[in-house]
N, C-alpha and C. Protein backbone atom coordinates (compact mmCIF):
# COMPACT_ATOMS: atom_id res chain seq x y z
N MET A 1 0.96 -1.05 -0.03
CA MET A 1 -0.04 0.09 -0.07
C MET A 1 1.03 1.25 0.09
N GLY A 2 0.60 2.11 -0.90
CA GLY A 2 1.48 3.31 -1.12
C GLY A 2 0.89 4.42 -0.03
N GLY A 3 1.69 5.44 0.36
CA GLY A 3 1.41 6.39 1.35
C GLY A 3 1.14 7.71 0.39
N LEU A 4 1.12 8.79 1.02
CA LEU A 4 0.81 10.16 0.64
C LEU A 4 1.78 10.55 -0.24
N GLN A 5 1.66 10.94 -1.36
CA GLN A 5 2.80 11.60 -2.29
C GLN A 5 3.67 10.65 -2.94
N THR A 6 3.38 9.30 -2.62
CA THR A 6 4.42 8.37 -3.12
C THR A 6 4.46 8.37 -4.59
N GLY A 7 5.65 8.68 -5.21
CA GLY A 7 6.07 8.55 -6.55
C GLY A 7 5.86 9.90 -7.13
N VAL A 8 5.25 10.73 -6.71
CA VAL A 8 4.79 12.06 -7.19
C VAL A 8 5.00 13.26 -6.14
N PRO A 9 6.08 13.48 -5.59
CA PRO A 9 6.23 14.44 -4.43
C PRO A 9 5.81 15.78 -4.93
N GLU A 10 6.12 16.19 -6.26
CA GLU A 10 5.80 17.70 -6.41
C GLU A 10 4.48 17.92 -6.87
N ARG A 11 3.48 17.43 -6.55
CA ARG A 11 2.19 17.61 -7.01
C ARG A 11 1.10 17.77 -5.83
N ASP A 12 0.20 18.66 -6.23
CA ASP A 12 -0.91 18.98 -5.20
C ASP A 12 -1.57 17.84 -4.92
N ASN A 13 -1.62 17.56 -3.37
CA ASN A 13 -2.38 16.38 -2.93
C ASN A 13 -3.74 16.70 -2.88
N GLY A 14 -4.26 17.93 -2.83
CA GLY A 14 -5.74 18.50 -2.75
C GLY A 14 -6.32 18.63 -1.53
N THR A 15 -5.30 18.54 -0.20
CA THR A 15 -5.87 18.83 0.85
C THR A 15 -5.33 20.05 1.66
N GLN A 16 -4.66 21.12 0.66
CA GLN A 16 -4.38 22.15 1.13
C GLN A 16 -3.44 22.13 2.55
N ASN A 17 -2.59 21.32 2.61
CA ASN A 17 -1.67 21.09 3.49
C ASN A 17 -0.26 21.48 3.12
N ILE A 18 0.62 21.86 4.11
CA ILE A 18 2.02 22.10 3.71
C ILE A 18 2.80 20.65 3.37
N GLN A 19 3.48 20.76 2.14
CA GLN A 19 4.18 19.80 1.38
C GLN A 19 5.61 20.01 1.65
N TYR A 20 6.27 19.08 1.46
CA TYR A 20 7.91 19.23 1.66
C TYR A 20 8.58 18.11 0.95
N ILE A 21 9.72 18.41 0.66
CA ILE A 21 10.60 17.37 0.12
C ILE A 21 11.63 17.57 1.10
N LYS A 22 12.55 16.31 1.18
CA LYS A 22 13.77 16.32 2.14
C LYS A 22 14.70 15.47 1.64
N LYS A 23 16.19 15.63 2.09
CA LYS A 23 17.05 14.56 1.71
C LYS A 23 17.96 14.56 2.53
N ALA A 24 18.43 13.28 3.03
CA ALA A 24 19.57 13.40 4.21
C ALA A 24 20.89 13.30 3.39
N PHE A 25 22.21 13.95 4.16
CA PHE A 25 23.25 13.77 3.65
C PHE A 25 24.33 13.66 4.71
N THR A 26 25.50 13.24 4.54
CA THR A 26 26.58 13.13 5.50
C THR A 26 27.88 14.06 5.20
N TYR A 27 28.93 13.99 6.06
CA TYR A 27 30.00 14.68 5.86
C TYR A 27 30.91 13.91 4.51
N LEU A 28 30.39 12.64 4.15
CA LEU A 28 30.96 12.06 3.13
C LEU A 28 30.66 12.72 1.56
N ASP A 29 29.62 13.70 1.67
CA ASP A 29 29.13 14.25 0.52
C ASP A 29 29.79 15.70 0.49
N ALA A 30 30.71 16.07 1.11
CA ALA A 30 31.61 17.22 1.10
C ALA A 30 32.07 17.22 -0.39
N GLY A 31 31.78 18.59 -0.95
CA GLY A 31 32.16 19.09 -2.29
C GLY A 31 31.14 18.56 -3.50
N THR A 32 30.32 18.13 -3.21
CA THR A 32 29.09 17.46 -4.15
C THR A 32 27.87 18.42 -4.08
N THR A 33 27.16 18.23 -4.99
CA THR A 33 25.61 18.96 -5.17
C THR A 33 24.75 17.63 -5.06
N ILE A 34 24.12 17.77 -4.29
CA ILE A 34 22.98 16.79 -3.90
C ILE A 34 21.39 17.22 -4.39
N ASP A 35 20.92 16.25 -5.09
CA ASP A 35 19.50 16.28 -5.46
C ASP A 35 18.43 16.45 -4.47
N ILE A 36 17.58 17.28 -4.07
CA ILE A 36 16.57 17.18 -2.90
C ILE A 36 15.43 16.81 -3.44
N GLY A 37 14.72 16.99 -4.63
CA GLY A 37 13.61 16.92 -5.06
C GLY A 37 13.16 18.04 -6.14
N THR A 38 11.61 17.78 -6.39
CA THR A 38 11.20 18.79 -7.53
C THR A 38 10.03 19.33 -6.91
N ILE A 39 9.90 20.61 -7.22
CA ILE A 39 8.57 21.62 -6.61
C ILE A 39 8.06 21.90 -7.67
N PRO A 40 6.55 22.13 -7.64
CA PRO A 40 5.80 22.44 -8.84
C PRO A 40 6.08 24.04 -9.12
N GLU A 41 5.63 24.32 -10.22
CA GLU A 41 5.25 25.75 -10.71
C GLU A 41 4.43 26.32 -9.73
N GLY A 42 4.67 27.63 -9.24
CA GLY A 42 3.61 28.35 -8.49
C GLY A 42 3.85 28.09 -6.98
N ALA A 43 4.52 27.19 -6.54
CA ALA A 43 4.70 26.81 -5.26
C ALA A 43 5.26 27.95 -4.57
N ILE A 44 4.90 27.98 -3.23
CA ILE A 44 5.31 29.12 -2.51
C ILE A 44 6.07 28.43 -1.27
N ILE A 45 7.36 28.69 -1.19
CA ILE A 45 8.21 28.08 -0.34
C ILE A 45 8.15 28.62 0.97
N LEU A 46 8.07 28.08 2.26
CA LEU A 46 7.91 28.71 3.48
C LEU A 46 9.19 28.81 4.08
N LYS A 47 9.93 29.77 4.09
CA LYS A 47 11.22 30.03 4.54
C LYS A 47 11.34 29.54 5.89
N PRO A 48 10.69 30.28 6.74
CA PRO A 48 10.91 29.91 8.14
C PRO A 48 10.98 28.19 8.57
N ILE A 49 10.33 27.40 7.89
CA ILE A 49 10.38 25.96 8.18
C ILE A 49 11.27 25.19 7.10
N SER A 50 12.06 25.95 6.24
CA SER A 50 12.61 25.43 5.37
C SER A 50 14.00 25.57 5.48
N GLY A 51 15.09 24.43 5.36
CA GLY A 51 16.49 24.64 5.55
C GLY A 51 17.13 23.64 5.86
N VAL A 52 18.02 23.18 6.86
CA VAL A 52 18.98 22.35 7.03
C VAL A 52 18.99 21.88 8.64
N HIS A 53 18.48 20.59 8.90
CA HIS A 53 18.52 20.22 10.29
C HIS A 53 19.79 19.32 10.67
N VAL A 54 20.87 19.78 11.22
CA VAL A 54 21.97 19.25 11.53
C VAL A 54 21.76 18.29 12.57
N ILE A 55 21.94 16.96 12.42
CA ILE A 55 21.70 15.99 13.46
C ILE A 55 22.97 15.60 14.25
N THR A 56 24.04 15.60 13.52
CA THR A 56 25.28 15.28 14.09
C THR A 56 26.39 16.72 13.51
N ALA A 57 26.75 17.13 14.28
CA ALA A 57 27.68 18.48 13.98
C ALA A 57 28.77 18.20 12.98
N PHE A 58 29.04 18.88 12.15
CA PHE A 58 30.11 18.55 11.01
C PHE A 58 31.16 19.02 11.82
N ASN A 59 32.33 18.19 11.89
CA ASN A 59 33.41 18.72 12.76
C ASN A 59 34.52 19.48 11.93
N GLY A 60 34.37 19.68 11.09
CA GLY A 60 35.61 20.34 10.12
C GLY A 60 35.65 22.00 10.33
N ASP A 61 35.24 22.38 11.49
CA ASP A 61 35.29 24.08 11.79
C ASP A 61 34.42 24.51 11.06
N THR A 62 34.26 26.13 10.61
CA THR A 62 33.11 26.72 10.29
C THR A 62 33.19 26.75 8.71
N THR A 63 33.96 26.16 8.17
CA THR A 63 34.23 26.03 6.65
C THR A 63 33.12 24.95 6.35
N ASN A 64 32.63 24.24 6.89
CA ASN A 64 31.66 23.15 6.41
C ASN A 64 30.31 23.98 6.44
N THR A 65 29.66 24.13 5.15
CA THR A 65 28.71 25.00 5.14
C THR A 65 27.69 24.28 3.92
N LEU A 66 26.41 24.91 3.93
CA LEU A 66 25.46 24.32 2.76
C LEU A 66 24.73 25.27 1.93
N ASP A 67 24.68 25.58 0.79
CA ASP A 67 23.81 26.28 -0.10
C ASP A 67 22.82 25.41 -0.58
N ILE A 68 21.54 26.14 -0.69
CA ILE A 68 20.23 25.65 -1.24
C ILE A 68 19.82 26.40 -2.19
N GLY A 69 19.08 25.75 -3.10
CA GLY A 69 18.44 26.76 -4.13
C GLY A 69 17.82 25.80 -5.43
N PRO A 70 17.24 26.40 -6.36
CA PRO A 70 17.05 25.67 -7.32
C PRO A 70 18.36 25.22 -8.23
N SER A 71 18.16 24.43 -9.02
CA SER A 71 19.39 23.64 -9.72
C SER A 71 20.04 24.80 -10.76
N THR A 72 19.30 25.87 -11.16
CA THR A 72 19.79 26.72 -11.92
C THR A 72 20.51 27.83 -10.83
N ASN A 73 20.51 28.13 -9.62
CA ASN A 73 21.31 28.74 -8.96
C ASN A 73 21.34 28.13 -7.33
N THR A 74 22.15 27.27 -7.23
CA THR A 74 22.17 26.64 -5.83
C THR A 74 22.29 27.28 -4.62
N ASP A 75 22.60 28.49 -4.74
CA ASP A 75 22.70 29.47 -3.45
C ASP A 75 21.72 30.36 -3.36
N LEU A 76 20.58 30.64 -4.06
CA LEU A 76 19.43 31.48 -4.18
C LEU A 76 18.88 31.36 -2.89
N TRP A 77 18.43 30.28 -2.27
CA TRP A 77 17.65 30.57 -0.98
C TRP A 77 18.41 30.36 0.27
N GLY A 78 19.57 29.70 0.12
CA GLY A 78 20.21 29.61 1.42
C GLY A 78 21.85 29.40 0.99
N THR A 79 22.52 30.45 1.73
CA THR A 79 23.94 30.44 1.17
C THR A 79 24.92 30.40 2.65
N ASP A 80 25.68 29.51 2.53
CA ASP A 80 26.79 29.42 3.56
C ASP A 80 26.04 28.94 5.06
N LEU A 81 25.05 28.02 4.93
CA LEU A 81 24.41 27.81 5.99
C LEU A 81 25.18 26.74 7.17
N ALA A 82 25.64 27.28 7.96
CA ALA A 82 26.72 26.53 9.07
C ALA A 82 26.21 25.13 9.57
N LEU A 83 27.20 24.17 9.19
CA LEU A 83 26.73 22.91 9.43
C LEU A 83 27.63 22.25 10.71
N GLY A 84 28.28 23.44 11.68
CA GLY A 84 28.91 22.93 12.74
C GLY A 84 28.39 22.89 14.06
N THR A 85 26.90 23.13 14.13
CA THR A 85 26.10 23.17 15.35
C THR A 85 24.94 22.30 15.08
N VAL A 86 24.74 21.65 15.99
CA VAL A 86 23.21 20.83 15.75
C VAL A 86 22.24 21.86 16.11
N GLY A 87 21.12 21.32 15.28
CA GLY A 87 20.14 22.35 15.27
C GLY A 87 19.32 22.40 13.92
N PHE A 88 18.36 23.30 13.75
CA PHE A 88 17.81 23.77 12.64
C PHE A 88 18.08 25.11 12.00
N ILE A 89 18.74 25.24 10.81
CA ILE A 89 19.16 26.37 10.30
C ILE A 89 18.15 26.86 9.01
N PRO A 90 17.32 27.95 9.28
CA PRO A 90 16.44 28.22 8.25
C PRO A 90 17.13 28.65 7.10
N ILE A 91 16.54 28.67 5.69
CA ILE A 91 17.13 29.37 4.60
C ILE A 91 17.21 30.82 4.78
N ASP A 92 18.12 31.65 4.35
CA ASP A 92 18.43 32.89 4.69
C ASP A 92 18.55 34.16 3.75
N GLU A 93 18.11 33.51 2.66
CA GLU A 93 18.13 34.81 1.60
C GLU A 93 16.99 35.41 1.29
N ALA A 94 16.86 36.72 1.24
CA ALA A 94 15.81 37.59 1.06
C ALA A 94 15.40 37.81 -0.54
N VAL A 95 15.00 36.64 -1.31
CA VAL A 95 14.69 36.54 -2.70
C VAL A 95 13.05 35.94 -2.56
N SER A 96 12.79 35.91 -3.71
CA SER A 96 11.27 35.53 -4.04
C SER A 96 11.26 33.98 -3.50
N ASN A 97 10.13 33.84 -2.77
CA ASN A 97 9.97 32.61 -2.36
C ASN A 97 8.74 31.64 -3.27
N VAL A 98 8.64 32.43 -4.40
CA VAL A 98 7.63 31.61 -5.46
C VAL A 98 8.48 31.16 -6.53
N VAL A 99 8.21 29.82 -6.98
CA VAL A 99 8.86 29.17 -7.86
C VAL A 99 8.12 29.79 -9.22
N GLY A 100 8.97 30.11 -10.07
CA GLY A 100 8.25 30.77 -11.28
C GLY A 100 7.71 29.72 -12.28
N SER A 101 8.25 29.96 -13.49
CA SER A 101 7.50 29.05 -14.83
C SER A 101 8.04 27.65 -14.65
N GLY A 102 7.36 26.66 -14.71
CA GLY A 102 7.98 25.17 -14.62
C GLY A 102 8.24 24.66 -13.69
N GLU A 103 8.24 23.47 -13.37
CA GLU A 103 8.70 22.74 -11.98
C GLU A 103 10.37 23.13 -11.75
N SER A 104 10.51 22.95 -10.57
CA SER A 104 12.03 23.39 -10.24
C SER A 104 12.80 22.13 -9.40
N ALA A 105 13.67 22.02 -9.99
CA ALA A 105 14.58 21.04 -9.16
C ALA A 105 15.22 21.71 -8.17
N VAL A 106 15.39 21.01 -6.99
CA VAL A 106 16.01 21.63 -5.67
C VAL A 106 17.01 21.09 -5.63
N GLN A 107 18.34 21.68 -5.37
CA GLN A 107 19.72 21.16 -5.29
C GLN A 107 20.40 21.69 -3.82
N ALA A 108 21.44 21.05 -3.24
CA ALA A 108 22.12 21.74 -2.16
C ALA A 108 23.52 21.23 -2.52
N ALA A 109 24.38 22.39 -2.35
CA ALA A 109 25.78 22.15 -2.48
C ALA A 109 26.38 22.26 -1.16
N VAL A 110 27.04 20.80 -1.03
CA VAL A 110 27.87 20.85 0.53
C VAL A 110 29.26 21.39 0.42
N VAL A 111 29.49 22.48 0.86
CA VAL A 111 30.82 23.11 0.84
C VAL A 111 31.66 22.58 1.97
N SER A 112 32.90 22.27 1.68
CA SER A 112 33.69 21.98 2.77
C SER A 112 35.17 22.42 2.28
N THR A 113 35.85 23.06 3.07
CA THR A 113 37.21 23.13 2.83
C THR A 113 38.15 22.70 3.96
N ALA A 114 37.50 21.93 4.81
CA ALA A 114 38.04 21.18 5.92
C ALA A 114 37.63 20.03 5.97
N SER A 115 38.57 18.93 6.32
CA SER A 115 38.22 17.36 6.29
C SER A 115 37.46 16.95 7.51
N ALA A 116 36.23 17.13 7.34
CA ALA A 116 35.16 16.62 8.52
C ALA A 116 35.59 15.37 8.51
N SER A 117 35.47 14.66 9.81
CA SER A 117 35.35 13.10 9.70
C SER A 117 33.89 12.63 10.39
N ALA A 118 32.99 13.60 10.72
CA ALA A 118 31.77 13.30 11.23
C ALA A 118 30.82 14.27 10.85
N GLY A 119 29.48 14.10 10.63
CA GLY A 119 28.31 15.12 10.59
C GLY A 119 27.13 14.45 9.61
N SER A 120 26.15 14.86 10.20
CA SER A 120 24.84 14.21 9.16
C SER A 120 23.75 15.14 9.44
N ALA A 121 23.09 15.46 8.29
CA ALA A 121 21.91 16.39 8.44
C ALA A 121 20.88 16.03 7.48
N ILE A 122 19.71 16.69 7.29
CA ILE A 122 18.48 16.62 6.31
C ILE A 122 18.14 17.99 6.13
N VAL A 123 18.26 17.99 4.54
CA VAL A 123 17.56 19.39 3.93
C VAL A 123 16.15 19.29 3.98
N VAL A 124 15.62 20.26 4.20
CA VAL A 124 13.99 20.16 4.19
C VAL A 124 13.46 21.66 3.29
N ILE A 125 12.75 21.27 2.30
CA ILE A 125 11.97 22.47 1.79
C ILE A 125 10.54 22.20 1.89
N ALA A 126 9.89 23.23 2.70
CA ALA A 126 8.47 23.40 2.77
C ALA A 126 7.63 24.02 1.75
N TYR A 127 6.85 23.88 1.28
CA TYR A 127 5.98 24.73 0.50
C TYR A 127 4.40 24.40 0.29
N ILE A 128 3.80 25.53 -0.22
CA ILE A 128 2.37 25.12 -0.38
C ILE A 128 2.29 25.45 -1.83
N VAL A 129 1.27 24.66 -2.31
CA VAL A 129 0.95 24.78 -3.87
C VAL A 129 0.01 25.87 -3.94
N ASN A 130 0.04 26.76 -5.05
CA ASN A 130 -0.58 27.75 -5.47
C ASN A 130 -1.82 27.15 -5.95
């Protein structure tokens, strides 16, 4: 039996609820860009509850950060979000929170200039469908 949004996470489920996409990553993803998911055209991103939840602090100093945005500009919504402290770090850029024409693939760039040997987190993008 499938669950809500199984196989089609970027569609309106018809219940006027907050929807989200999420993706876990670790220190082993340093230097890579990870695919989070796809959100639909016209979706409104809820910035206060979108960001990165650091579960285990990345121990590579303050140089372990994360950028979040659409695949066309991966630091549009969040730039240099610190991964060195456990907790939730919301996206921080003061740009439009409405997805323009067409669906938008969301990505996160795991930036690290230090050699972390620990760290895990989850990127969460919450949105409502227009």
